Amino acid sequence: MFTGLVEEIGHVTAVEELGDAVRLAVAAPLVTQDARPGDSISVDGVCLTVVDLDPAEGSFTADVIRETLRRSRLGTYGPGSRVNLERALAAGGRLGGHIVQGHVDAVARLVRRTASQHWEVLRFSLPESCARYVVEKGSIAVNGTSLTVSAVGPQEGEGWFEVSLIPTTLAETTAGELAEGDPVNLEVDIVAKYVEKMVGD
């Protein structure tokens, strides 16, 4: 599992077509320092398995099957695409964000960004399939970044939610680079899903 605290911004160096999958090569000098084949790394919120490492280049490769490409925005990547990266949480490590599995629930889009003096408010579309799990002051992962929901809009059809981001978050994740209309990977809080299951039973 992950915490949603981005460790570095890497970039895709190559995309190799494998028929029913693709192999991504990602430049990531920090997260590859102690990585080994078989380790999990979150790439924009998608849990991927390290297939190979190039220590000299500080990069790794990972295979992405069609199902993952269909359910996330990984299928839009090409050489130069910048991505949020996080290694899996080590046992005994601090859970500074929230529990993030690396299982994308939906793809949303940035609807609007509003600048303030010391922060920015980003509004994203909220697919109906995720709406019941998103609450004000709750947690959500956007491109693998653990964020706090600051507002939620109408829940009928495709609503919206907002997050308020400080300069550090904007600078140290790809959130600062998003333009209106850009797609993002969403993962809702797994705790909300378990609560729904228990209450429903």
N, C-alpha and C. Protein backbone atom coordinates (compact mmCIF):
# COMPACT_ATOMS: atom_id res chain seq x y z
N MET A 1 0.84 -1.19 0.00
CA MET A 1 0.00 0.00 0.00
C MET A 1 0.88 1.24 0.00
N PHE A 2 0.24 2.41 -0.22
CA PHE A 2 0.93 3.68 -0.31
C PHE A 2 0.27 4.68 0.63
N THR A 3 0.86 5.85 0.76
CA THR A 3 0.30 6.89 1.63
C THR A 3 -0.20 8.09 0.85
N GLY A 4 0.13 8.18 -0.44
CA GLY A 4 -0.26 9.34 -1.22
C GLY A 4 0.66 10.53 -1.03
N LEU A 5 1.83 10.31 -0.41
CA LEU A 5 2.83 11.36 -0.29
C LEU A 5 3.87 11.16 -1.39
N VAL A 6 3.82 12.01 -2.39
CA VAL A 6 4.68 11.86 -3.57
C VAL A 6 6.14 12.08 -3.18
N GLU A 7 7.00 11.15 -3.61
CA GLU A 7 8.41 11.24 -3.29
C GLU A 7 9.21 12.01 -4.35
N GLU A 8 8.82 11.86 -5.58
CA GLU A 8 9.50 12.61 -6.64
C GLU A 8 8.62 12.64 -7.89
N ILE A 9 8.91 13.58 -8.75
CA ILE A 9 8.29 13.62 -10.08
C ILE A 9 9.28 13.00 -11.04
N GLY A 10 8.89 11.89 -11.66
CA GLY A 10 9.71 11.26 -12.68
C GLY A 10 9.17 11.57 -14.06
N HIS A 11 9.77 10.98 -15.07
CA HIS A 11 9.21 11.17 -16.41
C HIS A 11 9.38 9.90 -17.23
N VAL A 12 8.39 9.66 -18.08
CA VAL A 12 8.39 8.50 -18.96
C VAL A 12 9.47 8.71 -20.03
N THR A 13 10.31 7.70 -20.21
CA THR A 13 11.36 7.80 -21.23
C THR A 13 11.04 6.98 -22.47
N ALA A 14 10.20 5.96 -22.32
CA ALA A 14 9.85 5.13 -23.48
C ALA A 14 8.55 4.39 -23.20
N VAL A 15 7.80 4.11 -24.25
CA VAL A 15 6.58 3.31 -24.19
C VAL A 15 6.69 2.24 -25.26
N GLU A 16 6.77 0.98 -24.84
CA GLU A 16 6.92 -0.14 -25.78
C GLU A 16 5.62 -0.92 -25.86
N GLU A 17 5.08 -1.04 -27.07
CA GLU A 17 3.85 -1.78 -27.28
C GLU A 17 4.13 -3.28 -27.20
N LEU A 18 3.31 -4.00 -26.43
CA LEU A 18 3.48 -5.44 -26.24
C LEU A 18 2.23 -6.21 -26.66
N GLY A 19 1.48 -5.67 -27.58
CA GLY A 19 0.26 -6.34 -28.02
C GLY A 19 -0.90 -6.02 -27.09
N ASP A 20 -1.09 -6.82 -26.04
CA ASP A 20 -2.19 -6.58 -25.11
C ASP A 20 -1.73 -5.83 -23.87
N ALA A 21 -0.56 -5.21 -23.94
CA ALA A 21 -0.01 -4.45 -22.82
C ALA A 21 1.01 -3.47 -23.37
N VAL A 22 1.51 -2.61 -22.50
CA VAL A 22 2.64 -1.75 -22.86
C VAL A 22 3.67 -1.83 -21.75
N ARG A 23 4.91 -1.57 -22.09
CA ARG A 23 5.98 -1.50 -21.09
C ARG A 23 6.43 -0.05 -21.00
N LEU A 24 6.30 0.50 -19.79
CA LEU A 24 6.72 1.88 -19.55
C LEU A 24 8.12 1.88 -18.96
N ALA A 25 8.95 2.77 -19.46
CA ALA A 25 10.25 3.04 -18.85
C ALA A 25 10.15 4.41 -18.21
N VAL A 26 10.53 4.50 -16.94
CA VAL A 26 10.37 5.74 -16.18
C VAL A 26 11.69 6.13 -15.53
N ALA A 27 12.12 7.35 -15.77
CA ALA A 27 13.29 7.90 -15.10
C ALA A 27 12.90 8.32 -13.70
N ALA A 28 13.56 7.73 -12.68
CA ALA A 28 13.16 7.95 -11.30
C ALA A 28 14.36 7.73 -10.39
N PRO A 29 15.30 8.66 -10.35
CA PRO A 29 16.54 8.44 -9.59
C PRO A 29 16.34 8.23 -8.10
N LEU A 30 15.32 8.83 -7.50
CA LEU A 30 15.12 8.68 -6.06
C LEU A 30 14.49 7.34 -5.71
N VAL A 31 13.34 7.02 -6.31
CA VAL A 31 12.62 5.82 -5.91
C VAL A 31 13.31 4.54 -6.37
N THR A 32 14.28 4.63 -7.27
CA THR A 32 15.00 3.43 -7.71
C THR A 32 16.25 3.18 -6.88
N GLN A 33 16.57 4.05 -5.94
CA GLN A 33 17.80 3.89 -5.17
C GLN A 33 17.86 2.56 -4.44
N ASP A 34 16.74 2.12 -3.87
CA ASP A 34 16.72 0.85 -3.14
C ASP A 34 15.70 -0.12 -3.71
N ALA A 35 15.27 0.12 -4.95
CA ALA A 35 14.25 -0.73 -5.56
C ALA A 35 14.87 -2.01 -6.11
N ARG A 36 14.02 -3.04 -6.17
CA ARG A 36 14.41 -4.32 -6.74
C ARG A 36 13.29 -4.81 -7.66
N PRO A 37 13.60 -5.66 -8.63
CA PRO A 37 12.53 -6.23 -9.45
C PRO A 37 11.49 -6.91 -8.56
N GLY A 38 10.23 -6.67 -8.87
CA GLY A 38 9.13 -7.20 -8.07
C GLY A 38 8.57 -6.21 -7.08
N ASP A 39 9.30 -5.12 -6.81
CA ASP A 39 8.79 -4.09 -5.90
C ASP A 39 7.62 -3.34 -6.54
N SER A 40 6.81 -2.72 -5.69
CA SER A 40 5.69 -1.91 -6.16
C SER A 40 6.04 -0.43 -6.10
N ILE A 41 5.72 0.29 -7.17
CA ILE A 41 5.88 1.74 -7.22
C ILE A 41 4.59 2.33 -7.76
N SER A 42 4.10 3.35 -7.08
CA SER A 42 2.91 4.05 -7.55
C SER A 42 3.31 5.06 -8.61
N VAL A 43 2.70 4.93 -9.80
CA VAL A 43 2.96 5.84 -10.92
C VAL A 43 1.66 6.59 -11.19
N ASP A 44 1.60 7.85 -10.79
CA ASP A 44 0.37 8.64 -10.90
C ASP A 44 -0.82 7.91 -10.27
N GLY A 45 -0.54 7.24 -9.14
CA GLY A 45 -1.62 6.59 -8.41
C GLY A 45 -1.93 5.19 -8.84
N VAL A 46 -1.18 4.63 -9.78
CA VAL A 46 -1.39 3.25 -10.23
C VAL A 46 -0.25 2.40 -9.70
N CYS A 47 -0.58 1.35 -8.96
CA CYS A 47 0.43 0.44 -8.43
C CYS A 47 0.99 -0.41 -9.55
N LEU A 48 2.27 -0.24 -9.85
CA LEU A 48 2.93 -1.01 -10.90
C LEU A 48 4.08 -1.81 -10.30
N THR A 49 4.37 -2.95 -10.92
CA THR A 49 5.44 -3.83 -10.46
C THR A 49 6.70 -3.56 -11.27
N VAL A 50 7.81 -3.38 -10.58
CA VAL A 50 9.09 -3.15 -11.25
C VAL A 50 9.49 -4.43 -11.97
N VAL A 51 9.68 -4.34 -13.29
CA VAL A 51 10.10 -5.49 -14.10
C VAL A 51 11.63 -5.51 -14.21
N ASP A 52 12.21 -4.33 -14.42
CA ASP A 52 13.65 -4.25 -14.60
C ASP A 52 14.13 -2.90 -14.09
N LEU A 53 15.41 -2.83 -13.77
CA LEU A 53 16.02 -1.60 -13.25
C LEU A 53 17.27 -1.30 -14.04
N ASP A 54 17.54 -0.01 -14.19
CA ASP A 54 18.80 0.45 -14.77
C ASP A 54 19.42 1.42 -13.78
N PRO A 55 20.23 0.89 -12.83
CA PRO A 55 20.80 1.75 -11.78
C PRO A 55 21.62 2.90 -12.34
N ALA A 56 22.32 2.67 -13.44
CA ALA A 56 23.16 3.71 -14.01
C ALA A 56 22.33 4.89 -14.49
N GLU A 57 21.16 4.58 -15.03
CA GLU A 57 20.27 5.63 -15.54
C GLU A 57 19.27 6.10 -14.49
N GLY A 58 19.16 5.35 -13.38
CA GLY A 58 18.16 5.69 -12.37
C GLY A 58 16.76 5.56 -12.92
N SER A 59 16.49 4.43 -13.58
CA SER A 59 15.17 4.24 -14.19
C SER A 59 14.69 2.82 -13.96
N PHE A 60 13.39 2.62 -14.17
CA PHE A 60 12.80 1.29 -14.06
C PHE A 60 11.78 1.10 -15.17
N THR A 61 11.44 -0.17 -15.43
CA THR A 61 10.40 -0.47 -16.39
C THR A 61 9.29 -1.23 -15.68
N ALA A 62 8.07 -1.09 -16.19
CA ALA A 62 6.90 -1.77 -15.63
C ALA A 62 5.94 -2.09 -16.75
N ASP A 63 5.31 -3.25 -16.67
CA ASP A 63 4.32 -3.65 -17.66
C ASP A 63 2.93 -3.19 -17.22
N VAL A 64 2.15 -2.69 -18.17
CA VAL A 64 0.80 -2.21 -17.89
C VAL A 64 -0.16 -2.92 -18.83
N ILE A 65 -1.08 -3.71 -18.27
CA ILE A 65 -2.01 -4.45 -19.10
C ILE A 65 -3.13 -3.54 -19.61
N ARG A 66 -3.84 -4.03 -20.62
CA ARG A 66 -4.88 -3.22 -21.25
C ARG A 66 -5.97 -2.79 -20.27
N GLU A 67 -6.32 -3.68 -19.33
CA GLU A 67 -7.35 -3.33 -18.36
C GLU A 67 -6.95 -2.10 -17.56
N THR A 68 -5.68 -2.04 -17.16
CA THR A 68 -5.20 -0.87 -16.42
C THR A 68 -5.17 0.36 -17.31
N LEU A 69 -4.77 0.19 -18.55
CA LEU A 69 -4.75 1.32 -19.48
C LEU A 69 -6.16 1.87 -19.69
N ARG A 70 -7.15 0.96 -19.71
CA ARG A 70 -8.53 1.37 -19.94
C ARG A 70 -9.11 2.11 -18.74
N ARG A 71 -8.72 1.71 -17.54
CA ARG A 71 -9.31 2.27 -16.32
C ARG A 71 -8.54 3.46 -15.75
N SER A 72 -7.43 3.82 -16.35
CA SER A 72 -6.61 4.92 -15.85
C SER A 72 -6.17 5.79 -17.02
N ARG A 73 -5.38 6.82 -16.70
CA ARG A 73 -4.88 7.68 -17.77
C ARG A 73 -3.51 7.26 -18.26
N LEU A 74 -3.01 6.11 -17.82
CA LEU A 74 -1.69 5.66 -18.24
C LEU A 74 -1.60 5.46 -19.75
N GLY A 75 -2.73 5.19 -20.39
CA GLY A 75 -2.73 5.00 -21.83
C GLY A 75 -2.45 6.26 -22.62
N THR A 76 -2.47 7.41 -21.97
CA THR A 76 -2.20 8.68 -22.67
C THR A 76 -0.74 9.08 -22.59
N TYR A 77 0.08 8.29 -21.89
CA TYR A 77 1.47 8.68 -21.68
C TYR A 77 2.32 8.45 -22.92
N GLY A 78 3.34 9.30 -23.03
CA GLY A 78 4.35 9.16 -24.06
C GLY A 78 5.67 9.63 -23.48
N PRO A 79 6.75 9.50 -24.23
CA PRO A 79 8.04 9.98 -23.74
C PRO A 79 7.97 11.45 -23.32
N GLY A 80 8.46 11.73 -22.14
CA GLY A 80 8.43 13.09 -21.62
C GLY A 80 7.30 13.35 -20.63
N SER A 81 6.29 12.46 -20.58
CA SER A 81 5.18 12.65 -19.63
C SER A 81 5.73 12.62 -18.21
N ARG A 82 5.34 13.60 -17.41
CA ARG A 82 5.80 13.68 -16.03
C ARG A 82 4.79 13.00 -15.10
N VAL A 83 5.30 12.25 -14.13
CA VAL A 83 4.42 11.42 -13.30
C VAL A 83 4.83 11.51 -11.84
N ASN A 84 3.83 11.41 -10.95
CA ASN A 84 4.07 11.35 -9.52
C ASN A 84 4.49 9.94 -9.15
N LEU A 85 5.52 9.83 -8.30
CA LEU A 85 6.06 8.52 -7.93
C LEU A 85 6.13 8.36 -6.42
N GLU A 86 5.82 7.16 -5.95
CA GLU A 86 5.93 6.83 -4.53
C GLU A 86 6.23 5.35 -4.37
N ARG A 87 7.21 5.03 -3.53
CA ARG A 87 7.47 3.63 -3.19
C ARG A 87 6.41 3.14 -2.22
N ALA A 88 6.23 1.82 -2.19
CA ALA A 88 5.28 1.22 -1.24
C ALA A 88 5.73 1.52 0.18
N LEU A 89 4.76 1.66 1.08
CA LEU A 89 5.03 1.98 2.48
C LEU A 89 5.76 0.83 3.15
N ALA A 90 6.89 1.14 3.77
CA ALA A 90 7.63 0.12 4.51
C ALA A 90 6.96 -0.14 5.85
N ALA A 91 7.03 -1.39 6.33
CA ALA A 91 6.46 -1.73 7.64
C ALA A 91 7.09 -0.85 8.71
N GLY A 92 6.25 -0.23 9.53
CA GLY A 92 6.75 0.67 10.57
C GLY A 92 6.93 2.10 10.11
N GLY A 93 6.65 2.36 8.83
CA GLY A 93 6.78 3.72 8.32
C GLY A 93 5.62 4.59 8.75
N ARG A 94 5.80 5.90 8.64
CA ARG A 94 4.75 6.85 9.01
C ARG A 94 3.69 6.93 7.91
N LEU A 95 2.44 6.88 8.34
CA LEU A 95 1.33 7.03 7.40
C LEU A 95 0.94 8.50 7.39
N GLY A 96 1.68 9.28 6.63
CA GLY A 96 1.47 10.73 6.65
C GLY A 96 0.29 11.20 5.84
N GLY A 97 -0.14 10.42 4.86
CA GLY A 97 -1.29 10.80 4.06
C GLY A 97 -2.51 10.00 4.50
N HIS A 98 -2.98 9.10 3.60
CA HIS A 98 -4.03 8.16 3.99
C HIS A 98 -3.76 6.86 3.26
N ILE A 99 -4.52 5.82 3.56
CA ILE A 99 -4.29 4.52 2.92
C ILE A 99 -4.67 4.59 1.45
N VAL A 100 -3.67 4.39 0.59
CA VAL A 100 -3.87 4.43 -0.86
C VAL A 100 -3.42 3.08 -1.41
N GLN A 101 -4.26 2.42 -2.16
CA GLN A 101 -3.95 1.09 -2.66
C GLN A 101 -3.25 1.10 -4.01
N GLY A 102 -3.41 2.17 -4.75
CA GLY A 102 -2.88 2.17 -6.11
C GLY A 102 -3.83 1.53 -7.10
N HIS A 103 -5.12 1.47 -6.73
CA HIS A 103 -6.17 0.91 -7.58
C HIS A 103 -7.09 2.06 -8.00
N VAL A 104 -6.97 2.49 -9.22
CA VAL A 104 -7.72 3.65 -9.71
C VAL A 104 -9.20 3.31 -9.85
N ASP A 105 -10.04 4.18 -9.30
CA ASP A 105 -11.50 3.98 -9.37
C ASP A 105 -12.12 4.61 -10.61
N ALA A 106 -11.55 5.72 -11.06
CA ALA A 106 -12.12 6.43 -12.21
C ALA A 106 -11.13 7.47 -12.71
N VAL A 107 -11.39 7.93 -13.91
CA VAL A 107 -10.63 9.05 -14.47
C VAL A 107 -11.54 10.28 -14.45
N ALA A 108 -11.05 11.36 -13.88
CA ALA A 108 -11.80 12.62 -13.84
C ALA A 108 -11.03 13.66 -14.64
N ARG A 109 -11.56 14.88 -14.64
CA ARG A 109 -10.87 15.96 -15.35
C ARG A 109 -10.83 17.22 -14.49
N LEU A 110 -9.76 17.98 -14.67
CA LEU A 110 -9.68 19.28 -14.00
C LEU A 110 -10.67 20.22 -14.68
N VAL A 111 -11.58 20.74 -13.90
CA VAL A 111 -12.63 21.62 -14.44
C VAL A 111 -12.21 23.08 -14.35
N ARG A 112 -11.59 23.43 -13.22
CA ARG A 112 -11.23 24.83 -13.02
C ARG A 112 -10.15 24.94 -11.98
N ARG A 113 -9.25 25.90 -12.13
CA ARG A 113 -8.29 26.20 -11.07
C ARG A 113 -8.35 27.69 -10.77
N THR A 114 -8.41 28.00 -9.47
CA THR A 114 -8.57 29.37 -9.02
C THR A 114 -7.40 29.71 -8.10
N ALA A 115 -6.64 30.72 -8.47
CA ALA A 115 -5.47 31.11 -7.67
C ALA A 115 -5.86 32.07 -6.57
N SER A 116 -5.25 31.90 -5.41
CA SER A 116 -5.38 32.82 -4.30
C SER A 116 -3.98 33.33 -3.98
N GLN A 117 -3.85 34.12 -2.93
CA GLN A 117 -2.54 34.67 -2.61
C GLN A 117 -1.56 33.59 -2.18
N HIS A 118 -2.03 32.63 -1.40
CA HIS A 118 -1.13 31.63 -0.83
C HIS A 118 -1.47 30.19 -1.21
N TRP A 119 -2.50 29.97 -1.99
CA TRP A 119 -2.85 28.61 -2.38
C TRP A 119 -3.67 28.66 -3.67
N GLU A 120 -4.00 27.49 -4.20
CA GLU A 120 -4.88 27.39 -5.36
C GLU A 120 -5.98 26.39 -5.06
N VAL A 121 -7.14 26.66 -5.59
CA VAL A 121 -8.26 25.74 -5.49
C VAL A 121 -8.44 25.07 -6.84
N LEU A 122 -8.39 23.73 -6.83
CA LEU A 122 -8.59 22.96 -8.05
C LEU A 122 -9.92 22.23 -7.97
N ARG A 123 -10.75 22.41 -8.99
CA ARG A 123 -12.04 21.72 -9.06
C ARG A 123 -11.95 20.61 -10.11
N PHE A 124 -12.36 19.41 -9.71
CA PHE A 124 -12.34 18.27 -10.60
C PHE A 124 -13.75 17.74 -10.80
N SER A 125 -14.00 17.16 -11.96
CA SER A 125 -15.27 16.45 -12.16
C SER A 125 -15.30 15.26 -11.21
N LEU A 126 -16.50 14.84 -10.85
CA LEU A 126 -16.66 13.72 -9.93
C LEU A 126 -17.60 12.70 -10.56
N PRO A 127 -17.04 11.63 -11.14
CA PRO A 127 -17.90 10.63 -11.76
C PRO A 127 -18.92 10.07 -10.77
N GLU A 128 -20.09 9.77 -11.27
CA GLU A 128 -21.19 9.31 -10.41
C GLU A 128 -20.81 8.06 -9.64
N SER A 129 -19.97 7.21 -10.24
CA SER A 129 -19.59 5.97 -9.57
C SER A 129 -18.77 6.20 -8.30
N CYS A 130 -18.18 7.38 -8.18
CA CYS A 130 -17.35 7.70 -7.01
C CYS A 130 -18.00 8.66 -6.04
N ALA A 131 -19.09 9.28 -6.44
CA ALA A 131 -19.65 10.41 -5.69
C ALA A 131 -20.00 10.05 -4.25
N ARG A 132 -20.56 8.86 -4.01
CA ARG A 132 -21.01 8.52 -2.66
C ARG A 132 -19.86 8.32 -1.68
N TYR A 133 -18.63 8.18 -2.19
CA TYR A 133 -17.47 7.98 -1.32
C TYR A 133 -16.70 9.26 -1.02
N VAL A 134 -17.11 10.37 -1.61
CA VAL A 134 -16.35 11.62 -1.48
C VAL A 134 -17.13 12.59 -0.61
N VAL A 135 -16.52 13.00 0.50
CA VAL A 135 -17.17 13.91 1.44
C VAL A 135 -16.22 15.06 1.77
N GLU A 136 -16.80 16.20 2.11
CA GLU A 136 -16.00 17.35 2.52
C GLU A 136 -15.15 16.99 3.74
N LYS A 137 -13.89 17.37 3.68
CA LYS A 137 -12.87 17.08 4.70
C LYS A 137 -12.40 15.63 4.68
N GLY A 138 -12.90 14.84 3.74
CA GLY A 138 -12.43 13.47 3.58
C GLY A 138 -11.17 13.43 2.72
N SER A 139 -10.64 12.23 2.52
CA SER A 139 -9.42 12.05 1.74
C SER A 139 -9.73 11.49 0.36
N ILE A 140 -8.91 11.88 -0.61
CA ILE A 140 -8.99 11.35 -1.96
C ILE A 140 -7.60 11.39 -2.56
N ALA A 141 -7.29 10.44 -3.43
CA ALA A 141 -6.01 10.44 -4.13
C ALA A 141 -6.23 10.89 -5.57
N VAL A 142 -5.51 11.93 -5.95
CA VAL A 142 -5.57 12.47 -7.31
C VAL A 142 -4.18 12.29 -7.93
N ASN A 143 -4.10 11.46 -8.96
CA ASN A 143 -2.79 11.10 -9.54
C ASN A 143 -1.83 10.63 -8.47
N GLY A 144 -2.36 9.87 -7.50
CA GLY A 144 -1.52 9.30 -6.47
C GLY A 144 -1.18 10.21 -5.32
N THR A 145 -1.70 11.42 -5.32
CA THR A 145 -1.41 12.40 -4.27
C THR A 145 -2.56 12.42 -3.27
N SER A 146 -2.25 12.21 -1.99
CA SER A 146 -3.27 12.25 -0.95
C SER A 146 -3.68 13.69 -0.71
N LEU A 147 -4.96 13.99 -0.93
CA LEU A 147 -5.48 15.34 -0.78
C LEU A 147 -6.73 15.34 0.08
N THR A 148 -7.00 16.49 0.68
CA THR A 148 -8.21 16.66 1.49
C THR A 148 -9.26 17.39 0.66
N VAL A 149 -10.46 16.85 0.64
CA VAL A 149 -11.56 17.45 -0.11
C VAL A 149 -12.03 18.70 0.64
N SER A 150 -12.01 19.85 -0.03
CA SER A 150 -12.42 21.09 0.62
C SER A 150 -13.86 21.48 0.30
N ALA A 151 -14.42 20.91 -0.76
CA ALA A 151 -15.82 21.18 -1.12
C ALA A 151 -16.30 20.10 -2.07
N VAL A 152 -17.61 19.84 -2.03
CA VAL A 152 -18.23 18.86 -2.92
C VAL A 152 -19.47 19.48 -3.52
N GLY A 153 -19.62 19.32 -4.83
CA GLY A 153 -20.76 19.91 -5.52
C GLY A 153 -21.91 18.94 -5.64
N PRO A 154 -22.90 19.27 -6.49
CA PRO A 154 -24.10 18.43 -6.64
C PRO A 154 -23.73 16.99 -6.95
N GLN A 155 -24.45 16.05 -6.37
CA GLN A 155 -24.15 14.64 -6.53
C GLN A 155 -24.98 13.98 -7.64
N GLU A 156 -25.91 14.70 -8.23
CA GLU A 156 -26.71 14.14 -9.31
C GLU A 156 -25.91 14.16 -10.60
N GLY A 157 -25.86 13.02 -11.31
CA GLY A 157 -25.08 12.95 -12.52
C GLY A 157 -23.61 13.09 -12.18
N GLU A 158 -22.87 13.81 -13.01
CA GLU A 158 -21.45 14.03 -12.74
C GLU A 158 -21.29 15.33 -11.98
N GLY A 159 -20.97 15.24 -10.71
CA GLY A 159 -20.78 16.43 -9.89
C GLY A 159 -19.34 16.91 -9.94
N TRP A 160 -18.89 17.49 -8.84
CA TRP A 160 -17.52 17.98 -8.77
C TRP A 160 -17.06 17.99 -7.31
N PHE A 161 -15.75 18.06 -7.14
CA PHE A 161 -15.17 18.26 -5.82
C PHE A 161 -13.97 19.18 -5.98
N GLU A 162 -13.60 19.82 -4.87
CA GLU A 162 -12.47 20.74 -4.89
C GLU A 162 -11.44 20.35 -3.85
N VAL A 163 -10.20 20.71 -4.13
CA VAL A 163 -9.10 20.58 -3.17
C VAL A 163 -8.37 21.91 -3.15
N SER A 164 -7.88 22.27 -1.98
CA SER A 164 -7.13 23.53 -1.82
C SER A 164 -5.66 23.18 -1.57
N LEU A 165 -4.79 23.62 -2.46
CA LEU A 165 -3.41 23.17 -2.45
C LEU A 165 -2.44 24.29 -2.10
N ILE A 166 -1.52 23.97 -1.18
CA ILE A 166 -0.48 24.93 -0.79
C ILE A 166 0.63 24.91 -1.83
N PRO A 167 1.50 25.92 -1.84
CA PRO A 167 2.58 25.99 -2.83
C PRO A 167 3.47 24.76 -2.86
N THR A 168 3.74 24.16 -1.68
CA THR A 168 4.61 22.98 -1.64
C THR A 168 4.01 21.84 -2.45
N THR A 169 2.71 21.59 -2.28
CA THR A 169 2.05 20.52 -3.03
C THR A 169 2.07 20.81 -4.52
N LEU A 170 1.84 22.05 -4.88
CA LEU A 170 1.84 22.43 -6.29
C LEU A 170 3.22 22.25 -6.91
N ALA A 171 4.27 22.52 -6.13
CA ALA A 171 5.63 22.45 -6.65
C ALA A 171 6.18 21.03 -6.68
N GLU A 172 5.77 20.20 -5.72
CA GLU A 172 6.40 18.89 -5.56
C GLU A 172 5.59 17.74 -6.13
N THR A 173 4.47 18.06 -6.77
CA THR A 173 3.67 17.07 -7.49
C THR A 173 3.32 17.65 -8.86
N THR A 174 2.70 16.84 -9.69
CA THR A 174 2.31 17.34 -11.01
C THR A 174 1.04 18.18 -10.97
N ALA A 175 0.46 18.36 -9.78
CA ALA A 175 -0.77 19.17 -9.68
C ALA A 175 -0.54 20.59 -10.17
N GLY A 176 0.66 21.10 -9.95
CA GLY A 176 0.96 22.46 -10.38
C GLY A 176 1.01 22.62 -11.89
N GLU A 177 1.09 21.51 -12.61
CA GLU A 177 1.22 21.55 -14.08
C GLU A 177 -0.10 21.28 -14.79
N LEU A 178 -1.12 20.89 -14.04
CA LEU A 178 -2.38 20.53 -14.68
C LEU A 178 -3.06 21.73 -15.32
N ALA A 179 -3.60 21.52 -16.50
CA ALA A 179 -4.38 22.54 -17.19
C ALA A 179 -5.84 22.10 -17.21
N GLU A 180 -6.74 23.06 -17.30
CA GLU A 180 -8.16 22.74 -17.34
C GLU A 180 -8.44 21.77 -18.49
N GLY A 181 -9.17 20.71 -18.19
CA GLY A 181 -9.47 19.68 -19.18
C GLY A 181 -8.57 18.46 -19.09
N ASP A 182 -7.46 18.57 -18.36
CA ASP A 182 -6.54 17.44 -18.24
C ASP A 182 -7.19 16.30 -17.44
N PRO A 183 -6.95 15.05 -17.85
CA PRO A 183 -7.47 13.91 -17.09
C PRO A 183 -6.58 13.60 -15.89
N VAL A 184 -7.19 13.05 -14.84
CA VAL A 184 -6.46 12.63 -13.64
C VAL A 184 -7.01 11.30 -13.15
N ASN A 185 -6.16 10.51 -12.50
CA ASN A 185 -6.58 9.26 -11.88
C ASN A 185 -7.15 9.55 -10.49
N LEU A 186 -8.30 8.97 -10.19
CA LEU A 186 -8.92 9.12 -8.87
C LEU A 186 -8.95 7.77 -8.15
N GLU A 187 -8.63 7.81 -6.86
CA GLU A 187 -8.87 6.67 -5.99
C GLU A 187 -9.54 7.19 -4.73
N VAL A 188 -10.74 6.71 -4.48
CA VAL A 188 -11.47 7.15 -3.29
C VAL A 188 -10.94 6.41 -2.06
N ASP A 189 -11.32 6.89 -0.90
CA ASP A 189 -10.86 6.32 0.36
C ASP A 189 -11.43 4.91 0.56
N ILE A 190 -10.56 3.92 0.69
CA ILE A 190 -10.99 2.53 0.84
C ILE A 190 -11.84 2.34 2.09
N VAL A 191 -11.61 3.15 3.12
CA VAL A 191 -12.40 3.03 4.36
C VAL A 191 -13.88 3.25 4.06
N ALA A 192 -14.18 4.21 3.18
CA ALA A 192 -15.57 4.48 2.82
C ALA A 192 -16.22 3.27 2.17
N LYS A 193 -15.46 2.55 1.36
CA LYS A 193 -16.01 1.36 0.70
C LYS A 193 -16.33 0.26 1.72
N TYR A 194 -15.42 0.08 2.67
CA TYR A 194 -15.66 -0.94 3.69
C TYR A 194 -16.87 -0.59 4.56
N VAL A 195 -17.00 0.69 4.90
CA VAL A 195 -18.15 1.12 5.70
C VAL A 195 -19.44 0.85 4.94
N GLU A 196 -19.46 1.18 3.64
CA GLU A 196 -20.64 0.94 2.83
C GLU A 196 -21.00 -0.55 2.80
N LYS A 197 -19.98 -1.39 2.66
CA LYS A 197 -20.20 -2.84 2.62
C LYS A 197 -20.77 -3.35 3.93
N MET A 198 -20.22 -2.90 5.04
CA MET A 198 -20.69 -3.37 6.35
C MET A 198 -22.10 -2.89 6.65
N VAL A 199 -22.39 -1.63 6.34
CA VAL A 199 -23.72 -1.09 6.58
C VAL A 199 -24.75 -1.76 5.69
N GLY A 200 -24.32 -2.04 4.43
CA GLY A 200 -25.22 -2.69 3.49
C GLY A 200 -25.58 -4.10 3.89
N ASP A 201 -24.63 -4.77 4.55
CA ASP A 201 -24.89 -6.15 4.97
C ASP A 201 -25.73 -6.19 6.26
